[in-house]
N, C-alpha and C. Protein backbone atom coordinates (compact mmCIF):
# COMPACT_ATOMS: atom_id res chain seq x y z
N GLN A 1 3.56 3.48 -28.78
CA GLN A 1 3.93 3.15 -28.04
C GLN A 1 3.09 2.77 -26.69
N VAL A 2 3.68 1.20 -26.10
CA VAL A 2 2.62 0.90 -24.49
C VAL A 2 2.99 2.00 -23.70
N GLN A 3 2.05 2.49 -22.98
CA GLN A 3 2.15 2.98 -21.50
C GLN A 3 1.07 2.73 -20.41
N VAL A 4 1.61 2.28 -19.52
CA VAL A 4 0.50 2.21 -18.49
C VAL A 4 1.06 3.38 -17.09
N VAL A 5 0.03 3.98 -16.70
CA VAL A 5 0.43 4.61 -15.67
C VAL A 5 -0.82 4.17 -14.41
N GLU A 6 -0.22 4.35 -13.58
CA GLU A 6 -1.35 3.67 -11.93
C GLU A 6 -1.89 4.98 -11.44
N SER A 7 -2.49 5.08 -10.72
CA SER A 7 -3.26 6.41 -9.76
C SER A 7 -4.14 5.31 -8.79
N GLY A 8 -4.26 6.41 -7.81
CA GLY A 8 -4.89 5.98 -6.63
C GLY A 8 -4.83 5.44 -5.62
N GLY A 9 -3.05 5.65 -5.62
CA GLY A 9 -2.40 5.65 -4.12
C GLY A 9 -2.98 6.54 -3.12
N GLY A 10 -2.50 5.97 -2.11
CA GLY A 10 -2.87 7.36 -0.61
C GLY A 10 -2.19 6.32 0.54
N LEU A 11 -2.85 7.22 1.63
CA LEU A 11 -2.21 6.75 3.26
C LEU A 11 -3.94 6.39 3.43
N VAL A 12 -3.60 5.24 4.04
CA VAL A 12 -5.29 4.87 4.56
C VAL A 12 -5.22 4.43 5.63
N GLN A 13 -6.36 4.15 6.75
CA GLN A 13 -5.75 3.64 8.12
C GLN A 13 -6.09 2.00 8.22
N ALA A 14 -5.62 1.15 8.59
CA ALA A 14 -6.03 -0.36 8.67
C ALA A 14 -7.56 -0.78 8.48
N GLY A 15 -8.27 -1.38 7.52
CA GLY A 15 -9.34 -2.07 7.54
C GLY A 15 -9.97 -1.11 6.85
N GLY A 16 -9.46 0.01 5.98
CA GLY A 16 -9.88 0.62 4.95
C GLY A 16 -9.46 -0.22 4.06
N SER A 17 -10.41 1.01 2.33
CA SER A 17 -10.14 0.52 1.23
C SER A 17 -9.51 1.80 0.45
N LEU A 18 -9.12 1.06 -0.84
CA LEU A 18 -8.46 1.66 -1.64
C LEU A 18 -8.90 1.41 -3.09
N ARG A 19 -9.02 1.96 -4.08
CA ARG A 19 -8.99 1.80 -5.55
C ARG A 19 -7.95 1.79 -6.26
N LEU A 20 -7.22 0.92 -6.79
CA LEU A 20 -5.91 1.76 -7.85
C LEU A 20 -6.53 1.54 -9.61
N SER A 21 -6.62 2.46 -10.17
CA SER A 21 -6.19 2.63 -11.17
C SER A 21 -4.83 2.24 -12.37
N CYS A 22 -5.11 1.77 -13.21
CA CYS A 22 -4.18 1.67 -13.96
C CYS A 22 -4.86 2.35 -15.88
N THR A 23 -4.43 3.27 -15.84
CA THR A 23 -4.37 3.82 -17.91
C THR A 23 -3.76 3.39 -18.45
N THR A 24 -4.05 2.96 -19.67
CA THR A 24 -2.77 2.83 -20.72
C THR A 24 -3.35 3.39 -22.04
N SER A 25 -2.70 3.05 -22.60
CA SER A 25 -2.50 3.77 -24.11
C SER A 25 -1.32 2.95 -24.82
N GLY A 26 -1.69 2.50 -26.18
CA GLY A 26 -1.10 2.11 -26.78
C GLY A 26 -1.19 0.83 -27.03
N LEU A 27 -2.19 0.35 -26.17
CA LEU A 27 -2.79 -1.64 -25.98
C LEU A 27 -4.26 -1.28 -25.90
N SER A 28 -4.71 -2.29 -26.15
CA SER A 28 -6.20 -2.73 -25.30
C SER A 28 -6.13 -4.17 -24.57
N VAL A 29 -7.04 -3.45 -23.45
CA VAL A 29 -7.02 -4.86 -22.09
C VAL A 29 -7.61 -5.38 -22.82
N LEU A 30 -8.03 -6.22 -23.96
CA LEU A 30 -8.47 -7.18 -24.13
C LEU A 30 -7.72 -7.88 -25.31
N ASP A 31 -6.57 -7.55 -25.42
CA ASP A 31 -5.54 -7.92 -26.08
C ASP A 31 -3.97 -8.49 -25.09
N TYR A 32 -4.10 -7.94 -24.11
CA TYR A 32 -2.96 -7.84 -22.77
C TYR A 32 -3.56 -9.13 -22.34
N VAL A 33 -2.56 -9.45 -21.21
CA VAL A 33 -2.70 -9.90 -20.32
C VAL A 33 -2.17 -8.34 -18.62
N MET A 34 -3.06 -8.06 -17.87
CA MET A 34 -2.70 -7.18 -16.92
C MET A 34 -2.73 -8.26 -15.71
N ALA A 35 -1.30 -6.93 -15.17
CA ALA A 35 -1.41 -7.30 -13.93
C ALA A 35 -1.01 -6.80 -12.67
N TRP A 36 -1.28 -6.49 -11.17
CA TRP A 36 -0.58 -5.78 -10.68
C TRP A 36 0.15 -6.36 -9.48
N PHE A 37 1.57 -5.50 -9.28
CA PHE A 37 2.67 -6.22 -8.59
C PHE A 37 3.18 -4.89 -7.33
N ARG A 38 3.93 -5.51 -6.40
CA ARG A 38 3.92 -4.30 -5.26
C ARG A 38 5.33 -4.66 -4.98
N GLN A 39 5.93 -3.74 -4.30
CA GLN A 39 7.23 -3.77 -3.54
C GLN A 39 7.29 -3.06 -2.73
N ALA A 40 7.15 -3.98 -1.23
CA ALA A 40 7.63 -2.66 -0.07
C ALA A 40 9.06 -2.45 0.06
N PRO A 41 9.58 -1.18 0.76
CA PRO A 41 10.71 -1.02 1.04
C PRO A 41 11.99 -2.88 1.56
N GLY A 42 13.23 -2.83 0.91
CA GLY A 42 14.05 -3.77 1.47
C GLY A 42 13.29 -5.25 0.89
N THR A 43 11.99 -5.60 0.27
CA THR A 43 11.92 -6.60 -0.26
C THR A 43 11.79 -6.77 -1.68
N GLU A 44 11.37 -8.22 -2.19
CA GLU A 44 11.61 -8.22 -3.97
C GLU A 44 10.05 -7.73 -4.12
N ARG A 45 10.19 -7.40 -5.39
CA ARG A 45 8.34 -7.19 -5.98
C ARG A 45 7.86 -8.49 -5.91
N GLU A 46 6.64 -8.72 -5.72
CA GLU A 46 5.68 -9.71 -5.23
C GLU A 46 4.35 -9.46 -6.52
N GLY A 47 3.90 -10.20 -6.71
CA GLY A 47 2.94 -10.88 -7.76
C GLY A 47 1.80 -10.60 -7.03
N VAL A 48 0.11 -9.36 -7.45
CA VAL A 48 -0.46 -9.21 -6.49
C VAL A 48 -1.41 -10.07 -7.02
N SER A 49 -1.76 -9.73 -8.40
CA SER A 49 -3.18 -10.48 -9.02
C SER A 49 -2.98 -10.27 -10.96
N CYS A 50 -3.25 -10.86 -11.07
CA CYS A 50 -3.81 -11.01 -12.87
C CYS A 50 -5.11 -11.00 -13.57
N VAL A 51 -5.13 -10.77 -14.37
CA VAL A 51 -6.43 -10.99 -14.82
C VAL A 51 -5.94 -11.52 -16.81
N SER A 52 -6.45 -12.47 -17.38
CA SER A 52 -6.20 -12.69 -18.48
C SER A 52 -6.46 -12.25 -19.71
N ARG A 53 -6.41 -12.24 -21.07
CA ARG A 53 -7.11 -11.51 -21.92
C ARG A 53 -8.50 -11.40 -22.19
N SER A 54 -9.40 -12.71 -22.00
CA SER A 54 -10.67 -12.92 -22.15
C SER A 54 -11.34 -12.08 -21.14
N GLY A 55 -10.66 -11.85 -19.68
CA GLY A 55 -11.03 -11.64 -18.44
C GLY A 55 -12.15 -13.00 -17.96
N GLU A 56 -11.58 -13.99 -18.00
CA GLU A 56 -12.41 -15.06 -17.57
C GLU A 56 -11.28 -15.81 -16.11
N TYR A 57 -9.99 -15.45 -16.55
CA TYR A 57 -8.88 -16.28 -15.62
C TYR A 57 -8.45 -14.72 -14.62
N THR A 58 -8.52 -14.82 -13.46
CA THR A 58 -7.73 -14.21 -12.50
C THR A 58 -6.94 -14.77 -11.70
N ASP A 59 -5.96 -14.51 -11.11
CA ASP A 59 -5.47 -14.98 -10.09
C ASP A 59 -5.02 -14.16 -8.96
N TYR A 60 -4.58 -14.47 -7.54
CA TYR A 60 -4.17 -13.32 -6.73
C TYR A 60 -3.10 -14.37 -5.72
N VAL A 61 -2.14 -13.75 -5.11
CA VAL A 61 -1.45 -14.17 -3.91
C VAL A 61 -2.51 -14.21 -2.73
N ASP A 62 -1.95 -15.65 -2.44
CA ASP A 62 -2.76 -15.91 -1.33
C ASP A 62 -3.07 -14.94 -0.42
N SER A 63 -1.95 -14.00 0.05
CA SER A 63 -2.27 -13.06 1.29
C SER A 63 -2.89 -11.78 1.09
N VAL A 64 -3.73 -11.78 -0.25
CA VAL A 64 -4.96 -10.78 -0.78
C VAL A 64 -6.22 -11.49 -1.41
N LYS A 65 -6.15 -12.92 -0.98
CA LYS A 65 -7.65 -13.51 -1.56
C LYS A 65 -8.57 -13.70 -0.70
N GLY A 66 -9.94 -12.88 -1.21
CA GLY A 66 -10.94 -12.33 -0.21
C GLY A 66 -10.69 -11.33 -0.16
N ARG A 67 -10.27 -10.44 -0.26
CA ARG A 67 -10.14 -8.84 0.31
C ARG A 67 -10.21 -8.08 -0.89
N PHE A 68 -8.63 -8.10 -2.07
CA PHE A 68 -8.80 -7.65 -3.38
C PHE A 68 -9.17 -8.14 -4.76
N THR A 69 -9.95 -7.08 -5.12
CA THR A 69 -10.60 -7.70 -6.43
C THR A 69 -9.53 -6.85 -8.17
N ILE A 70 -9.37 -7.65 -8.81
CA ILE A 70 -9.18 -7.02 -9.80
C ILE A 70 -10.13 -7.32 -10.74
N SER A 71 -10.02 -6.07 -11.56
CA SER A 71 -10.97 -5.68 -12.93
C SER A 71 -10.94 -4.63 -14.29
N ARG A 72 -11.49 -4.85 -15.20
CA ARG A 72 -10.78 -3.70 -16.28
C ARG A 72 -11.80 -3.43 -17.13
N ASP A 73 -11.79 -1.83 -17.39
CA ASP A 73 -13.20 -1.29 -18.27
C ASP A 73 -12.15 -1.64 -19.56
N PRO A 74 -12.77 -2.63 -20.49
CA PRO A 74 -12.90 -2.21 -21.76
C PRO A 74 -12.39 -0.98 -22.85
N ALA A 75 -13.60 -0.52 -22.42
CA ALA A 75 -14.06 1.00 -22.82
C ALA A 75 -13.38 1.84 -22.42
N LYS A 76 -12.70 1.88 -21.38
CA LYS A 76 -11.39 3.01 -21.08
C LYS A 76 -10.12 2.15 -21.19
N ASN A 77 -10.26 0.91 -21.46
CA ASN A 77 -8.61 0.63 -21.62
C ASN A 77 -7.82 0.78 -20.25
N THR A 78 -9.07 0.71 -19.04
CA THR A 78 -7.97 0.91 -17.59
C THR A 78 -8.07 -0.41 -16.69
N LEU A 79 -7.49 -0.65 -15.74
CA LEU A 79 -7.22 -2.20 -15.12
C LEU A 79 -7.77 -1.17 -13.58
N TYR A 80 -7.98 -1.92 -13.17
CA TYR A 80 -8.33 -1.87 -11.71
C TYR A 80 -7.70 -2.40 -10.67
N LEU A 81 -7.57 -2.46 -9.20
CA LEU A 81 -7.51 -2.68 -8.06
C LEU A 81 -8.18 -2.90 -7.04
N GLN A 82 -9.44 -2.81 -6.45
CA GLN A 82 -9.86 -2.44 -5.40
C GLN A 82 -9.66 -3.32 -4.21
N MET A 83 -9.22 -2.57 -3.32
CA MET A 83 -7.96 -3.42 -2.54
C MET A 83 -9.19 -2.91 -1.05
N ASN A 84 -9.56 -3.70 -0.17
CA ASN A 84 -10.22 -4.02 0.85
C ASN A 84 -9.94 -4.53 2.08
N THR A 85 -10.37 -4.20 3.08
CA THR A 85 -9.77 -4.52 4.53
C THR A 85 -8.24 -4.41 4.26
N LEU A 86 -7.89 -3.61 4.16
CA LEU A 86 -6.41 -3.16 4.13
C LEU A 86 -5.36 -3.13 5.51
N LYS A 87 -4.03 -3.57 5.56
CA LYS A 87 -3.73 -4.47 6.36
C LYS A 87 -2.57 -3.22 6.29
N PRO A 88 -1.48 -3.20 7.56
CA PRO A 88 -0.09 -2.54 7.44
C PRO A 88 0.57 -3.09 6.44
N GLU A 89 0.41 -4.47 6.36
CA GLU A 89 1.42 -5.16 5.88
C GLU A 89 1.20 -5.20 3.93
N ASP A 90 0.11 -4.76 3.56
CA ASP A 90 -0.43 -4.22 2.42
C ASP A 90 0.81 -2.82 1.87
N THR A 91 1.25 -2.46 2.31
CA THR A 91 1.91 -0.90 2.67
C THR A 91 2.99 -1.31 1.64
N ALA A 92 3.07 -0.65 0.36
CA ALA A 92 4.01 -0.87 -1.04
C ALA A 92 3.98 0.09 -1.91
N ILE A 93 4.56 -0.07 -2.64
CA ILE A 93 4.53 0.79 -4.05
C ILE A 93 4.30 -0.54 -5.08
N TYR A 94 2.77 -0.11 -5.58
CA TYR A 94 2.22 -0.93 -6.48
C TYR A 94 2.22 -0.52 -7.93
N TYR A 95 2.63 -1.51 -8.75
CA TYR A 95 2.92 -1.58 -10.00
C TYR A 95 1.80 -1.99 -11.13
N CYS A 96 1.72 -1.39 -12.13
CA CYS A 96 0.52 -2.34 -13.12
C CYS A 96 1.48 -2.90 -14.41
N ALA A 97 1.42 -3.99 -14.39
CA ALA A 97 1.69 -4.26 -15.86
C ALA A 97 1.35 -5.03 -17.18
N ALA A 98 1.46 -5.22 -18.20
CA ALA A 98 1.34 -5.30 -19.43
C ALA A 98 1.76 -6.36 -19.85
N ALA A 99 1.22 -7.55 -20.55
CA ALA A 99 1.80 -8.00 -21.65
C ALA A 99 1.47 -8.74 -22.60
N ARG A 100 1.87 -9.10 -23.67
CA ARG A 100 0.98 -9.49 -24.84
C ARG A 100 1.32 -11.36 -24.98
N LEU A 101 0.51 -12.03 -24.68
CA LEU A 101 0.91 -13.55 -23.98
C LEU A 101 -0.18 -14.20 -25.69
N GLN A 102 0.14 -15.06 -25.99
CA GLN A 102 -0.43 -16.85 -26.86
C GLN A 102 -1.08 -17.27 -25.48
N GLY A 103 -2.16 -17.70 -25.81
CA GLY A 103 -3.84 -18.10 -25.04
C GLY A 103 -4.14 -17.28 -24.17
N ASP A 104 -5.07 -18.03 -23.07
CA ASP A 104 -6.09 -16.64 -22.11
C ASP A 104 -5.84 -17.34 -20.69
N GLY A 105 -4.99 -17.02 -20.38
CA GLY A 105 -4.67 -16.95 -18.77
C GLY A 105 -4.01 -16.12 -18.24
N CYS A 106 -3.20 -16.33 -17.46
CA CYS A 106 -2.55 -14.97 -16.68
C CYS A 106 -1.80 -15.88 -15.80
N PHE A 107 -0.23 -14.84 -15.44
CA PHE A 107 0.94 -15.56 -14.63
C PHE A 107 1.01 -14.47 -13.37
N ILE A 108 1.32 -14.36 -12.24
CA ILE A 108 1.42 -13.24 -11.41
C ILE A 108 3.29 -13.55 -11.42
N ASP A 109 3.98 -13.65 -12.75
CA ASP A 109 5.50 -13.59 -12.76
C ASP A 109 5.82 -12.54 -13.23
N SER A 110 6.31 -11.76 -12.57
CA SER A 110 7.10 -10.64 -13.23
C SER A 110 8.12 -10.71 -14.47
N SER A 111 8.48 -11.59 -14.38
CA SER A 111 9.29 -11.97 -15.55
C SER A 111 8.27 -12.05 -16.87
N THR A 112 7.14 -12.26 -16.98
CA THR A 112 6.23 -12.37 -17.83
C THR A 112 6.15 -11.13 -18.59
N TYR A 113 6.09 -10.26 -17.85
CA TYR A 113 5.52 -8.74 -18.24
C TYR A 113 6.87 -7.74 -18.79
N ARG A 114 6.06 -7.15 -19.86
CA ARG A 114 7.62 -6.45 -20.81
C ARG A 114 6.55 -4.60 -20.42
N HIS A 115 5.78 -4.49 -20.01
CA HIS A 115 5.30 -2.91 -20.50
C HIS A 115 4.63 -3.11 -18.42
N TRP A 116 5.93 -2.15 -18.13
CA TRP A 116 5.39 -1.69 -16.37
C TRP A 116 4.84 0.26 -16.08
N GLY A 117 4.47 0.12 -15.31
CA GLY A 117 4.08 1.80 -14.78
C GLY A 117 5.37 1.89 -13.91
N GLN A 118 5.11 3.67 -13.35
CA GLN A 118 5.72 3.57 -12.16
C GLN A 118 5.45 3.69 -11.14
N GLY A 119 4.30 3.44 -10.52
CA GLY A 119 4.01 2.47 -9.53
C GLY A 119 3.38 3.71 -8.62
N THR A 120 2.36 3.47 -7.86
CA THR A 120 1.95 4.41 -7.08
C THR A 120 1.84 4.07 -5.46
N GLN A 121 2.18 4.81 -4.86
CA GLN A 121 2.72 4.64 -3.11
C GLN A 121 1.22 3.99 -2.18
N VAL A 122 1.09 3.10 -1.80
CA VAL A 122 0.23 2.79 -1.09
C VAL A 122 0.78 2.46 0.65
N THR A 123 0.21 3.41 1.47
CA THR A 123 0.37 3.26 2.91
C THR A 123 -0.47 3.04 3.60
N VAL A 124 -0.79 2.04 4.58
CA VAL A 124 -1.87 2.10 5.35
C VAL A 124 -1.24 1.33 6.76
N SER A 125 -1.53 2.89 7.61
CA SER A 125 -1.34 2.42 9.12
C SER A 125 -2.53 1.69 9.60
N SER A 126 -1.33 1.81 11.26
CA SER A 126 -1.87 0.37 12.22
C SER A 126 -2.86 1.67 13.08
């Protein structure tokens, strides 16, 4: 059974950093496309970043480019999201997601992903 569990959220001041982790079981991050999504109150879930099975391809939503970095540790079957220069508008619940897809690419489209975690809250104060 595939499970993904997020951790690492918290309260941080604007300009600060956080690193989110997504620990997985029942899958290998080398076989799955992995992604981060977020959802702020009153808004739809938004794709933040994704990484392909090979790790060669990544994608980011424009609002986080240059500030966030997605990575993974295959030995630990863990996905990360390093978030720097955080802004109040980054405040949201952040979700990890996994999908087993053909080919080597990634998509920050929530309909692509079958396996989801429960989320971790990130709050950025101004």
